[in-house]
């Protein structure tokens, strides 16, 4: 038994895309079944007139008439986890049984829906993920060992062990009932570790996962070079999220080693010691951003 498109809610998270409808939204909407789905656009860095642009695009460019869609602008940028939790509530309100997560920089193939719908046997899997490639590397599902993820050298479709392979948020298709049962994303873990913390919850409830025969391209800021100031800002968020997870249900000792190792590596790379100061202030002392 395959899924029906009208049972799916798609949540797309934006963060300052100035090109109107983003890459993921355009590629997802290219499938003829897209008009039957429900859509939530969550904007963490809203630009002026974005809602108007989306209204015009949904009316004139999208495939078919989209009846169920919702836009939310959040200038305070509460992060990814709150976006997904809010979308899950909307999915229940609209009677959707599945929720697809999409980052603005993920490109889905034109036949993406066929791959998802044909691979899932309803009642068997609670999570389906595609293969995500960035710079020629399969970054999801990644090989996960001792709290660290690295590109998957041998990606393949089929059922996976969530204790060995770690998907990222973008591309996850989640059964809403399983999402609610495990508690969904941790709202205190805003960006970094949000997907890992969520998968830890999913696997603790025994949710089964599969990789569908869908290959996506994905932009990943963490793989791109940046200035010292940019890296320092990102590391500050990294420390805050690591602390938030470690203080709730995350592996505290392992997270401490991970954030310390990153501070050391970045300090050597940039020959600056601001990363150690951020480590002390935001991870160990818990100073908010």
C-alpha atoms as a PDB file:
ATOM      1  CA  UNK A   1       0.000   0.000   0.000  1.00  0.00           C
ATOM      2  CA  UNK A   2       1.475   3.355  -1.028  1.00  0.00           C
ATOM      3  CA  UNK A   3       0.975   6.761   0.515  1.00  0.00           C
ATOM      4  CA  UNK A   4      -1.420   9.284  -0.922  1.00  0.00           C
ATOM      5  CA  UNK A   5      -0.102  12.756  -1.636  1.00  0.00           C
ATOM      6  CA  UNK A   6      -2.934  14.414   0.285  1.00  0.00           C
ATOM      7  CA  UNK A   7      -1.686  12.673   3.457  1.00  0.00           C
ATOM      8  CA  UNK A   8       1.628  14.583   3.340  1.00  0.00           C
ATOM      9  CA  UNK A   9       2.584  17.944   4.787  1.00  0.00           C
ATOM     10  CA  UNK A  10       5.814  19.501   3.507  1.00  0.00           C
ATOM     11  CA  UNK A  11       7.643  21.996   5.729  1.00  0.00           C
ATOM     12  CA  UNK A  12      10.266  24.206   4.084  1.00  0.00           C
ATOM     13  CA  UNK A  13      12.525  26.280   6.329  1.00  0.00           C
ATOM     14  CA  UNK A  14      13.852  29.548   4.914  1.00  0.00           C
ATOM     15  CA  UNK A  15      16.651  31.717   6.252  1.00  0.00           C
ATOM     16  CA  UNK A  16      17.154  34.788   4.149  1.00  0.00           C
ATOM     17  CA  UNK A  17      16.714  33.451   0.611  1.00  0.00           C
ATOM     18  CA  UNK A  18      16.392  36.500  -1.652  1.00  0.00           C
ATOM     19  CA  UNK A  19      15.485  34.595  -4.805  1.00  0.00           C
ATOM     20  CA  UNK A  20      11.765  34.280  -4.037  1.00  0.00           C
ATOM     21  CA  UNK A  21      10.696  30.617  -3.941  1.00  0.00           C
ATOM     22  CA  UNK A  22      13.805  28.708  -2.885  1.00  0.00           C
ATOM     23  CA  UNK A  23      15.547  25.794  -4.580  1.00  0.00           C
ATOM     24  CA  UNK A  24      13.822  23.116  -2.516  1.00  0.00           C
ATOM     25  CA  UNK A  25      10.354  24.601  -2.953  1.00  0.00           C
ATOM     26  CA  UNK A  26      10.735  24.875  -6.728  1.00  0.00           C
ATOM     27  CA  UNK A  27      12.067  21.346  -7.131  1.00  0.00           C
ATOM     28  CA  UNK A  28       9.453  19.821  -4.820  1.00  0.00           C
ATOM     29  CA  UNK A  29       6.644  21.673  -6.579  1.00  0.00           C
ATOM     30  CA  UNK A  30       7.774  20.379  -9.961  1.00  0.00           C
ATOM     31  CA  UNK A  31       6.057  17.044  -9.302  1.00  0.00           C
ATOM     32  CA  UNK A  32       2.410  16.953 -10.488  1.00  0.00           C
ATOM     33  CA  UNK A  33       1.252  15.474  -7.159  1.00  0.00           C
ATOM     34  CA  UNK A  34       2.564  18.462  -5.202  1.00  0.00           C
ATOM     35  CA  UNK A  35      -0.695  20.414  -5.414  1.00  0.00           C
ATOM     36  CA  UNK A  36      -2.448  17.733  -3.366  1.00  0.00           C
ATOM     37  CA  UNK A  37      -0.043  18.126  -0.435  1.00  0.00           C
ATOM     38  CA  UNK A  38      -0.170  20.594   2.462  1.00  0.00           C
ATOM     39  CA  UNK A  39       2.636  23.138   2.772  1.00  0.00           C
ATOM     40  CA  UNK A  40       4.179  25.074   5.650  1.00  0.00           C
ATOM     41  CA  UNK A  41       6.778  27.729   4.863  1.00  0.00           C
ATOM     42  CA  UNK A  42       8.663  28.691   8.034  1.00  0.00           C
ATOM     43  CA  UNK A  43      10.878  31.764   7.564  1.00  0.00           C
ATOM     44  CA  UNK A  44      13.624  32.230  10.165  1.00  0.00           C
ATOM     45  CA  UNK A  45      15.096  35.318   8.493  1.00  0.00           C
ATOM     46  CA  UNK A  46      12.074  36.943   6.840  1.00  0.00           C
ATOM     47  CA  UNK A  47      12.577  39.411   4.019  1.00  0.00           C
ATOM     48  CA  UNK A  48      10.150  42.164   3.121  1.00  0.00           C
ATOM     49  CA  UNK A  49       7.314  41.060   0.822  1.00  0.00           C
ATOM     50  CA  UNK A  50       8.281  37.351   1.023  1.00  0.00           C
ATOM     51  CA  UNK A  51       4.712  36.306   1.840  1.00  0.00           C
ATOM     52  CA  UNK A  52       3.387  38.297  -1.134  1.00  0.00           C
ATOM     53  CA  UNK A  53       5.978  36.705  -3.414  1.00  0.00           C
ATOM     54  CA  UNK A  54       4.968  33.261  -2.231  1.00  0.00           C
ATOM     55  CA  UNK A  55       1.264  34.012  -2.675  1.00  0.00           C
ATOM     56  CA  UNK A  56       1.876  35.095  -6.277  1.00  0.00           C
ATOM     57  CA  UNK A  57       4.073  32.099  -6.954  1.00  0.00           C
ATOM     58  CA  UNK A  58       1.614  29.591  -5.489  1.00  0.00           C
ATOM     59  CA  UNK A  59      -1.162  31.165  -7.562  1.00  0.00           C
ATOM     60  CA  UNK A  60       0.691  31.483 -10.874  1.00  0.00           C
ATOM     61  CA  UNK A  61       3.715  29.189 -11.023  1.00  0.00           C
ATOM     62  CA  UNK A  62       3.126  26.187  -8.775  1.00  0.00           C
ATOM     63  CA  UNK A  63       1.829  22.958 -10.287  1.00  0.00           C
ATOM     64  CA  UNK A  64      -1.942  23.088  -9.763  1.00  0.00           C
ATOM     65  CA  UNK A  65      -3.975  24.967  -7.204  1.00  0.00           C
ATOM     66  CA  UNK A  66      -2.523  24.737  -3.697  1.00  0.00           C
ATOM     67  CA  UNK A  67      -5.384  24.834  -1.192  1.00  0.00           C
ATOM     68  CA  UNK A  68      -3.488  24.073   2.008  1.00  0.00           C
ATOM     69  CA  UNK A  69      -0.475  26.265   2.679  1.00  0.00           C
ATOM     70  CA  UNK A  70       0.686  28.379   5.584  1.00  0.00           C
ATOM     71  CA  UNK A  71       3.488  30.942   5.961  1.00  0.00           C
ATOM     72  CA  UNK A  72       5.102  31.971   9.244  1.00  0.00           C
ATOM     73  CA  UNK A  73       7.761  34.674   9.656  1.00  0.00           C
ATOM     74  CA  UNK A  74      10.023  34.592  12.713  1.00  0.00           C
ATOM     75  CA  UNK A  75      12.515  37.445  12.839  1.00  0.00           C
ATOM     76  CA  UNK A  76      13.790  36.143  16.203  1.00  0.00           C
ATOM     77  CA  UNK A  77      15.034  32.974  14.435  1.00  0.00           C
ATOM     78  CA  UNK A  78      13.926  30.318  16.959  1.00  0.00           C
ATOM     79  CA  UNK A  79      15.690  27.620  14.944  1.00  0.00           C
ATOM     80  CA  UNK A  80      14.868  24.442  13.047  1.00  0.00           C
ATOM     81  CA  UNK A  81      13.432  22.350  15.858  1.00  0.00           C
ATOM     82  CA  UNK A  82      10.614  24.764  16.651  1.00  0.00           C
ATOM     83  CA  UNK A  83       9.756  24.947  12.953  1.00  0.00           C
ATOM     84  CA  UNK A  84       9.318  21.182  12.756  1.00  0.00           C
ATOM     85  CA  UNK A  85       7.367  20.956  16.007  1.00  0.00           C
ATOM     86  CA  UNK A  86       4.986  23.661  14.792  1.00  0.00           C
ATOM     87  CA  UNK A  87       4.606  21.926  11.413  1.00  0.00           C
ATOM     88  CA  UNK A  88       3.740  18.631  13.135  1.00  0.00           C
ATOM     89  CA  UNK A  89       0.916  20.389  14.963  1.00  0.00           C
ATOM     90  CA  UNK A  90      -0.294  21.801  11.648  1.00  0.00           C
ATOM     91  CA  UNK A  91      -0.106  18.330  10.099  1.00  0.00           C
ATOM     92  CA  UNK A  92      -2.461  16.986  12.755  1.00  0.00           C
ATOM     93  CA  UNK A  93      -4.791  19.935  12.242  1.00  0.00           C
ATOM     94  CA  UNK A  94      -4.962  19.235   8.500  1.00  0.00           C
ATOM     95  CA  UNK A  95      -5.283  15.466   8.948  1.00  0.00           C
ATOM     96  CA  UNK A  96      -1.880  14.622   7.451  1.00  0.00           C
ATOM     97  CA  UNK A  97      -0.207  11.373   8.483  1.00  0.00           C
ATOM     98  CA  UNK A  98       3.253  12.125   7.045  1.00  0.00           C
ATOM     99  CA  UNK A  99       5.562  15.148   7.261  1.00  0.00           C
ATOM    100  CA  UNK A 100       8.441  15.914   4.880  1.00  0.00           C
ATOM    101  CA  UNK A 101      11.245  18.215   6.093  1.00  0.00           C
ATOM    102  CA  UNK A 102      13.074  20.352   3.527  1.00  0.00           C
ATOM    103  CA  UNK A 103      15.937  22.806   3.857  1.00  0.00           C
ATOM    104  CA  UNK A 104      15.854  25.754   1.448  1.00  0.00           C
ATOM    105  CA  UNK A 105      19.092  24.615  -0.234  1.00  0.00           C
ATOM    106  CA  UNK A 106      18.095  21.017  -1.008  1.00  0.00           C
ATOM    107  CA  UNK A 107      17.349  20.139  -4.625  1.00  0.00           C
ATOM    108  CA  UNK A 108      14.944  17.242  -5.115  1.00  0.00           C
ATOM    109  CA  UNK A 109      14.807  15.302  -8.422  1.00  0.00           C
ATOM    110  CA  UNK A 110      11.730  15.647 -10.625  1.00  0.00           C
ATOM    111  CA  UNK A 111      10.484  12.147  -9.684  1.00  0.00           C
ATOM    112  CA  UNK A 112      11.094  12.535  -5.946  1.00  0.00           C
ATOM    113  CA  UNK A 113       7.537  11.659  -4.917  1.00  0.00           C
ATOM    114  CA  UNK A 114       7.577   8.392  -6.862  1.00  0.00           C
ATOM    115  CA  UNK A 115      10.668   7.261  -4.972  1.00  0.00           C
ATOM    116  CA  UNK A 116       9.183   8.028  -1.566  1.00  0.00           C
ATOM    117  CA  UNK A 117       5.679   6.716  -2.158  1.00  0.00           C
ATOM    118  CA  UNK A 118       6.724   3.440  -3.772  1.00  0.00           C
ATOM    119  CA  UNK A 119       9.392   2.623  -1.179  1.00  0.00           C
ATOM    120  CA  UNK A 120       7.225   2.943   1.916  1.00  0.00           C
ATOM    121  CA  UNK A 121       4.931   0.162   3.034  1.00  0.00           C
ATOM    122  CA  UNK A 122       2.462   1.823   5.350  1.00  0.00           C
ATOM    123  CA  UNK A 123       2.739   0.354   8.835  1.00  0.00           C
ATOM    124  CA  UNK A 124       6.346  -0.780   8.418  1.00  0.00           C
ATOM    125  CA  UNK A 125       8.572   2.302   8.389  1.00  0.00           C
ATOM    126  CA  UNK A 126       8.166   5.481  10.405  1.00  0.00           C
ATOM    127  CA  UNK A 127      11.045   7.330   8.732  1.00  0.00           C
ATOM    128  CA  UNK A 128      12.186   7.534   5.114  1.00  0.00           C
ATOM    129  CA  UNK A 129      15.211   9.509   3.936  1.00  0.00           C
ATOM    130  CA  UNK A 130      16.880  10.169   0.585  1.00  0.00           C
ATOM    131  CA  UNK A 131      20.575  10.149  -0.224  1.00  0.00           C
ATOM    132  CA  UNK A 132      21.888  13.711   0.094  1.00  0.00           C
ATOM    133  CA  UNK A 133      25.065  14.680  -1.715  1.00  0.00           C
ATOM    134  CA  UNK A 134      27.172  17.790  -1.183  1.00  0.00           C
ATOM    135  CA  UNK A 135      30.436  18.429  -3.055  1.00  0.00           C
ATOM    136  CA  UNK A 136      30.334  14.880  -4.370  1.00  0.00           C
ATOM    137  CA  UNK A 137      30.034  13.308  -0.897  1.00  0.00           C
ATOM    138  CA  UNK A 138      27.049  11.470   0.545  1.00  0.00           C
ATOM    139  CA  UNK A 139      26.392  13.423   3.733  1.00  0.00           C
ATOM    140  CA  UNK A 140      23.083  11.725   4.570  1.00  0.00           C
ATOM    141  CA  UNK A 141      22.617   9.166   5.818  1.00  0.00           C
ATOM    142  CA  UNK A 142      26.144   9.556   7.186  1.00  0.00           C
ATOM    143  CA  UNK A 143      28.230   6.953   8.939  1.00  0.00           C
ATOM    144  CA  UNK A 144      27.824   7.638  12.678  1.00  0.00           C
ATOM    145  CA  UNK A 145      30.335   6.441  15.250  1.00  0.00           C
ATOM    146  CA  UNK A 146      31.100   7.728  18.762  1.00  0.00           C
ATOM    147  CA  UNK A 147      28.912  10.782  18.248  1.00  0.00           C
ATOM    148  CA  UNK A 148      30.615  11.837  15.027  1.00  0.00           C
ATOM    149  CA  UNK A 149      29.263  11.637  11.501  1.00  0.00           C
ATOM    150  CA  UNK A 150      31.308  11.307   8.328  1.00  0.00           C
ATOM    151  CA  UNK A 151      30.330  10.962   4.649  1.00  0.00           C
ATOM    152  CA  UNK A 152      28.957   7.581   3.656  1.00  0.00           C
ATOM    153  CA  UNK A 153      31.335   5.884   1.175  1.00  0.00           C
ATOM    154  CA  UNK A 154      28.799   3.211   0.156  1.00  0.00           C
ATOM    155  CA  UNK A 155      25.296   4.688   0.119  1.00  0.00           C
ATOM    156  CA  UNK A 156      22.467   2.375  -0.840  1.00  0.00           C
ATOM    157  CA  UNK A 157      18.692   2.199  -0.646  1.00  0.00           C
ATOM    158  CA  UNK A 158      16.853   0.009   1.826  1.00  0.00           C
ATOM    159  CA  UNK A 159      16.322  -0.337   5.566  1.00  0.00           C
ATOM    160  CA  UNK A 160      19.024   1.188   7.766  1.00  0.00           C
ATOM    161  CA  UNK A 161      20.195   0.897  11.363  1.00  0.00           C
ATOM    162  CA  UNK A 162      19.858   4.321  13.026  1.00  0.00           C
ATOM    163  CA  UNK A 163      22.589   3.380  15.497  1.00  0.00           C
ATOM    164  CA  UNK A 164      25.070   3.191  12.597  1.00  0.00           C
ATOM    165  CA  UNK A 165      23.764   5.670  10.019  1.00  0.00           C
ATOM    166  CA  UNK A 166      22.629   9.237  10.747  1.00  0.00           C
ATOM    167  CA  UNK A 167      20.311  11.218   8.436  1.00  0.00           C
ATOM    168  CA  UNK A 168      20.181  15.007   8.415  1.00  0.00           C
ATOM    169  CA  UNK A 169      16.870  16.835   8.763  1.00  0.00           C
ATOM    170  CA  UNK A 170      16.367  17.798   5.136  1.00  0.00           C
ATOM    171  CA  UNK A 171      14.596  15.082   3.177  1.00  0.00           C
ATOM    172  CA  UNK A 172      13.230  13.213   6.201  1.00  0.00           C
ATOM    173  CA  UNK A 173       9.718  11.885   5.630  1.00  0.00           C
ATOM    174  CA  UNK A 174       8.296  11.090   9.073  1.00  0.00           C
ATOM    175  CA  UNK A 175       5.113   9.395  10.166  1.00  0.00           C
ATOM    176  CA  UNK A 176       3.399  12.066  12.271  1.00  0.00           C
ATOM    177  CA  UNK A 177       2.201   9.608  14.924  1.00  0.00           C
ATOM    178  CA  UNK A 178       5.777   8.371  15.465  1.00  0.00           C
ATOM    179  CA  UNK A 179       7.008  11.952  15.573  1.00  0.00           C
ATOM    180  CA  UNK A 180       4.550  12.864  18.293  1.00  0.00           C
ATOM    181  CA  UNK A 181       5.118   9.667  20.264  1.00  0.00           C
ATOM    182  CA  UNK A 182       8.878  10.192  20.571  1.00  0.00           C
ATOM    183  CA  UNK A 183       8.486  13.904  21.396  1.00  0.00           C
ATOM    184  CA  UNK A 184       9.660  15.280  18.072  1.00  0.00           C
ATOM    185  CA  UNK A 185      12.631  17.629  17.862  1.00  0.00           C
ATOM    186  CA  UNK A 186      14.122  19.078  21.026  1.00  0.00           C
ATOM    187  CA  UNK A 187      13.077  22.766  20.963  1.00  0.00           C
ATOM    188  CA  UNK A 188      16.135  23.829  22.990  1.00  0.00           C
ATOM    189  CA  UNK A 189      18.492  22.413  20.356  1.00  0.00           C
ATOM    190  CA  UNK A 190      17.969  25.060  17.726  1.00  0.00           C
ATOM    191  CA  UNK A 191      20.322  24.200  14.867  1.00  0.00           C
ATOM    192  CA  UNK A 192      23.407  22.049  15.407  1.00  0.00           C
ATOM    193  CA  UNK A 193      22.602  18.556  16.673  1.00  0.00           C
ATOM    194  CA  UNK A 194      18.867  19.090  16.023  1.00  0.00           C
ATOM    195  CA  UNK A 195      18.723  16.151  13.617  1.00  0.00           C
ATOM    196  CA  UNK A 196      21.026  13.951  15.728  1.00  0.00           C
ATOM    197  CA  UNK A 197      19.044  14.622  18.912  1.00  0.00           C
ATOM    198  CA  UNK A 198      15.838  13.810  17.041  1.00  0.00           C
ATOM    199  CA  UNK A 199      17.202  10.532  15.651  1.00  0.00           C
ATOM    200  CA  UNK A 200      18.324   9.540  19.146  1.00  0.00           C
ATOM    201  CA  UNK A 201      14.703   9.969  20.215  1.00  0.00           C
ATOM    202  CA  UNK A 202      13.353   8.055  17.225  1.00  0.00           C
ATOM    203  CA  UNK A 203      15.635   5.088  17.669  1.00  0.00           C
ATOM    204  CA  UNK A 204      14.912   4.889  21.418  1.00  0.00           C
ATOM    205  CA  UNK A 205      11.286   4.223  20.431  1.00  0.00           C
ATOM    206  CA  UNK A 206      12.288   1.544  17.947  1.00  0.00           C
ATOM    207  CA  UNK A 207      11.129   3.449  14.856  1.00  0.00           C
ATOM    208  CA  UNK A 208      12.266   1.712  11.663  1.00  0.00           C
ATOM    209  CA  UNK A 209      13.921   3.726   8.894  1.00  0.00           C
ATOM    210  CA  UNK A 210      14.622   3.235   5.202  1.00  0.00           C
ATOM    211  CA  UNK A 211      16.605   5.006   2.504  1.00  0.00           C
ATOM    212  CA  UNK A 212      14.421   5.630  -0.534  1.00  0.00           C
ATOM    213  CA  UNK A 213      15.755   5.608  -4.132  1.00  0.00           C
ATOM    214  CA  UNK A 214      15.878   9.407  -4.291  1.00  0.00           C
ATOM    215  CA  UNK A 215      19.156  11.319  -4.719  1.00  0.00           C
ATOM    216  CA  UNK A 216      19.235  15.008  -3.735  1.00  0.00           C
ATOM    217  CA  UNK A 217      21.805  17.767  -3.912  1.00  0.00           C
ATOM    218  CA  UNK A 218      22.314  19.728  -0.717  1.00  0.00           C
ATOM    219  CA  UNK A 219      24.108  22.908   0.316  1.00  0.00           C
ATOM    220  CA  UNK A 220      25.878  22.584   3.670  1.00  0.00           C
ATOM    221  CA  UNK A 221      27.387  25.690   5.210  1.00  0.00           C
ATOM    222  CA  UNK A 222      29.569  23.691   7.563  1.00  0.00           C
ATOM    223  CA  UNK A 223      31.611  22.379   4.626  1.00  0.00           C
ATOM    224  CA  UNK A 224      32.268  25.828   3.203  1.00  0.00           C
ATOM    225  CA  UNK A 225      35.242  28.061   4.143  1.00  0.00           C
ATOM    226  CA  UNK A 226      34.472  31.162   6.175  1.00  0.00           C
ATOM    227  CA  UNK A 227      36.141  34.155   7.786  1.00  0.00           C
ATOM    228  CA  UNK A 228      37.235  34.058  11.395  1.00  0.00           C
ATOM    229  CA  UNK A 229      34.230  36.149  12.443  1.00  0.00           C
ATOM    230  CA  UNK A 230      31.787  33.876  10.597  1.00  0.00           C
ATOM    231  CA  UNK A 231      33.333  30.736  12.062  1.00  0.00           C
ATOM    232  CA  UNK A 232      33.333  32.228  15.552  1.00  0.00           C
ATOM    233  CA  UNK A 233      29.639  33.038  15.281  1.00  0.00           C
ATOM    234  CA  UNK A 234      28.805  29.549  14.039  1.00  0.00           C
ATOM    235  CA  UNK A 235      30.902  27.949  16.768  1.00  0.00           C
ATOM    236  CA  UNK A 236      29.030  29.991  19.376  1.00  0.00           C
ATOM    237  CA  UNK A 237      25.730  28.480  18.181  1.00  0.00           C
ATOM    238  CA  UNK A 238      27.383  25.054  18.073  1.00  0.00           C
ATOM    239  CA  UNK A 239      28.366  25.368  21.738  1.00  0.00           C
ATOM    240  CA  UNK A 240      24.937  26.586  22.835  1.00  0.00           C
ATOM    241  CA  UNK A 241      23.184  23.704  21.071  1.00  0.00           C
ATOM    242  CA  UNK A 242      25.645  21.152  22.423  1.00  0.00           C
ATOM    243  CA  UNK A 243      25.083  22.448  25.960  1.00  0.00           C
ATOM    244  CA  UNK A 244      21.302  22.455  25.553  1.00  0.00           C
ATOM    245  CA  UNK A 245      21.314  18.835  24.411  1.00  0.00           C
ATOM    246  CA  UNK A 246      23.824  17.695  27.042  1.00  0.00           C
ATOM    247  CA  UNK A 247      21.751  19.281  29.818  1.00  0.00           C
ATOM    248  CA  UNK A 248      18.605  17.418  28.760  1.00  0.00           C
ATOM    249  CA  UNK A 249      19.130  13.973  27.255  1.00  0.00           C
ATOM    250  CA  UNK A 250      22.287  14.092  25.146  1.00  0.00           C
ATOM    251  CA  UNK A 251      25.566  12.223  25.822  1.00  0.00           C
ATOM    252  CA  UNK A 252      27.223  14.903  27.999  1.00  0.00           C
ATOM    253  CA  UNK A 253      30.773  13.534  28.116  1.00  0.00           C
ATOM    254  CA  UNK A 254      30.839  12.820  24.395  1.00  0.00           C
ATOM    255  CA  UNK A 255      29.492  16.283  23.559  1.00  0.00           C
ATOM    256  CA  UNK A 256      32.133  17.877  25.776  1.00  0.00           C
ATOM    257  CA  UNK A 257      34.866  16.080  23.837  1.00  0.00           C
ATOM    258  CA  UNK A 258      33.308  17.063  20.510  1.00  0.00           C
ATOM    259  CA  UNK A 259      33.033  20.785  21.255  1.00  0.00           C
ATOM    260  CA  UNK A 260      36.532  20.880  22.773  1.00  0.00           C
ATOM    261  CA  UNK A 261      38.059  19.103  19.764  1.00  0.00           C
ATOM    262  CA  UNK A 262      36.364  21.539  17.386  1.00  0.00           C
ATOM    263  CA  UNK A 263      37.597  24.545  19.392  1.00  0.00           C
ATOM    264  CA  UNK A 264      41.123  23.178  19.276  1.00  0.00           C
ATOM    265  CA  UNK A 265      40.966  22.472  15.541  1.00  0.00           C
ATOM    266  CA  UNK A 266      39.564  25.923  14.706  1.00  0.00           C
ATOM    267  CA  UNK A 267      42.096  27.641  16.961  1.00  0.00           C
ATOM    268  CA  UNK A 268      44.934  25.962  15.087  1.00  0.00           C
ATOM    269  CA  UNK A 269      43.389  26.711  11.689  1.00  0.00           C
ATOM    270  CA  UNK A 270      42.905  30.422  12.329  1.00  0.00           C
ATOM    271  CA  UNK A 271      45.734  30.873  14.854  1.00  0.00           C
ATOM    272  CA  UNK A 272      43.270  32.687  17.098  1.00  0.00           C
ATOM    273  CA  UNK A 273      42.045  31.707  20.533  1.00  0.00           C
ATOM    274  CA  UNK A 274      38.579  33.245  20.507  1.00  0.00           C
ATOM    275  CA  UNK A 275      37.133  29.750  20.057  1.00  0.00           C
ATOM    276  CA  UNK A 276      38.461  28.700  23.459  1.00  0.00           C
ATOM    277  CA  UNK A 277      36.825  31.733  25.033  1.00  0.00           C
ATOM    278  CA  UNK A 278      33.507  30.856  23.362  1.00  0.00           C
ATOM    279  CA  UNK A 279      33.867  27.276  24.586  1.00  0.00           C
ATOM    280  CA  UNK A 280      34.250  28.479  28.161  1.00  0.00           C
ATOM    281  CA  UNK A 281      31.501  31.097  28.045  1.00  0.00           C
ATOM    282  CA  UNK A 282      28.792  29.348  26.052  1.00  0.00           C
ATOM    283  CA  UNK A 283      29.338  25.638  26.655  1.00  0.00           C
ATOM    284  CA  UNK A 284      30.756  25.392  30.166  1.00  0.00           C
ATOM    285  CA  UNK A 285      29.217  28.539  31.709  1.00  0.00           C
ATOM    286  CA  UNK A 286      26.004  28.563  29.670  1.00  0.00           C
ATOM    287  CA  UNK A 287      26.051  32.216  28.620  1.00  0.00           C
ATOM    288  CA  UNK A 288      23.220  32.805  26.109  1.00  0.00           C
ATOM    289  CA  UNK A 289      23.899  34.241  22.661  1.00  0.00           C
END
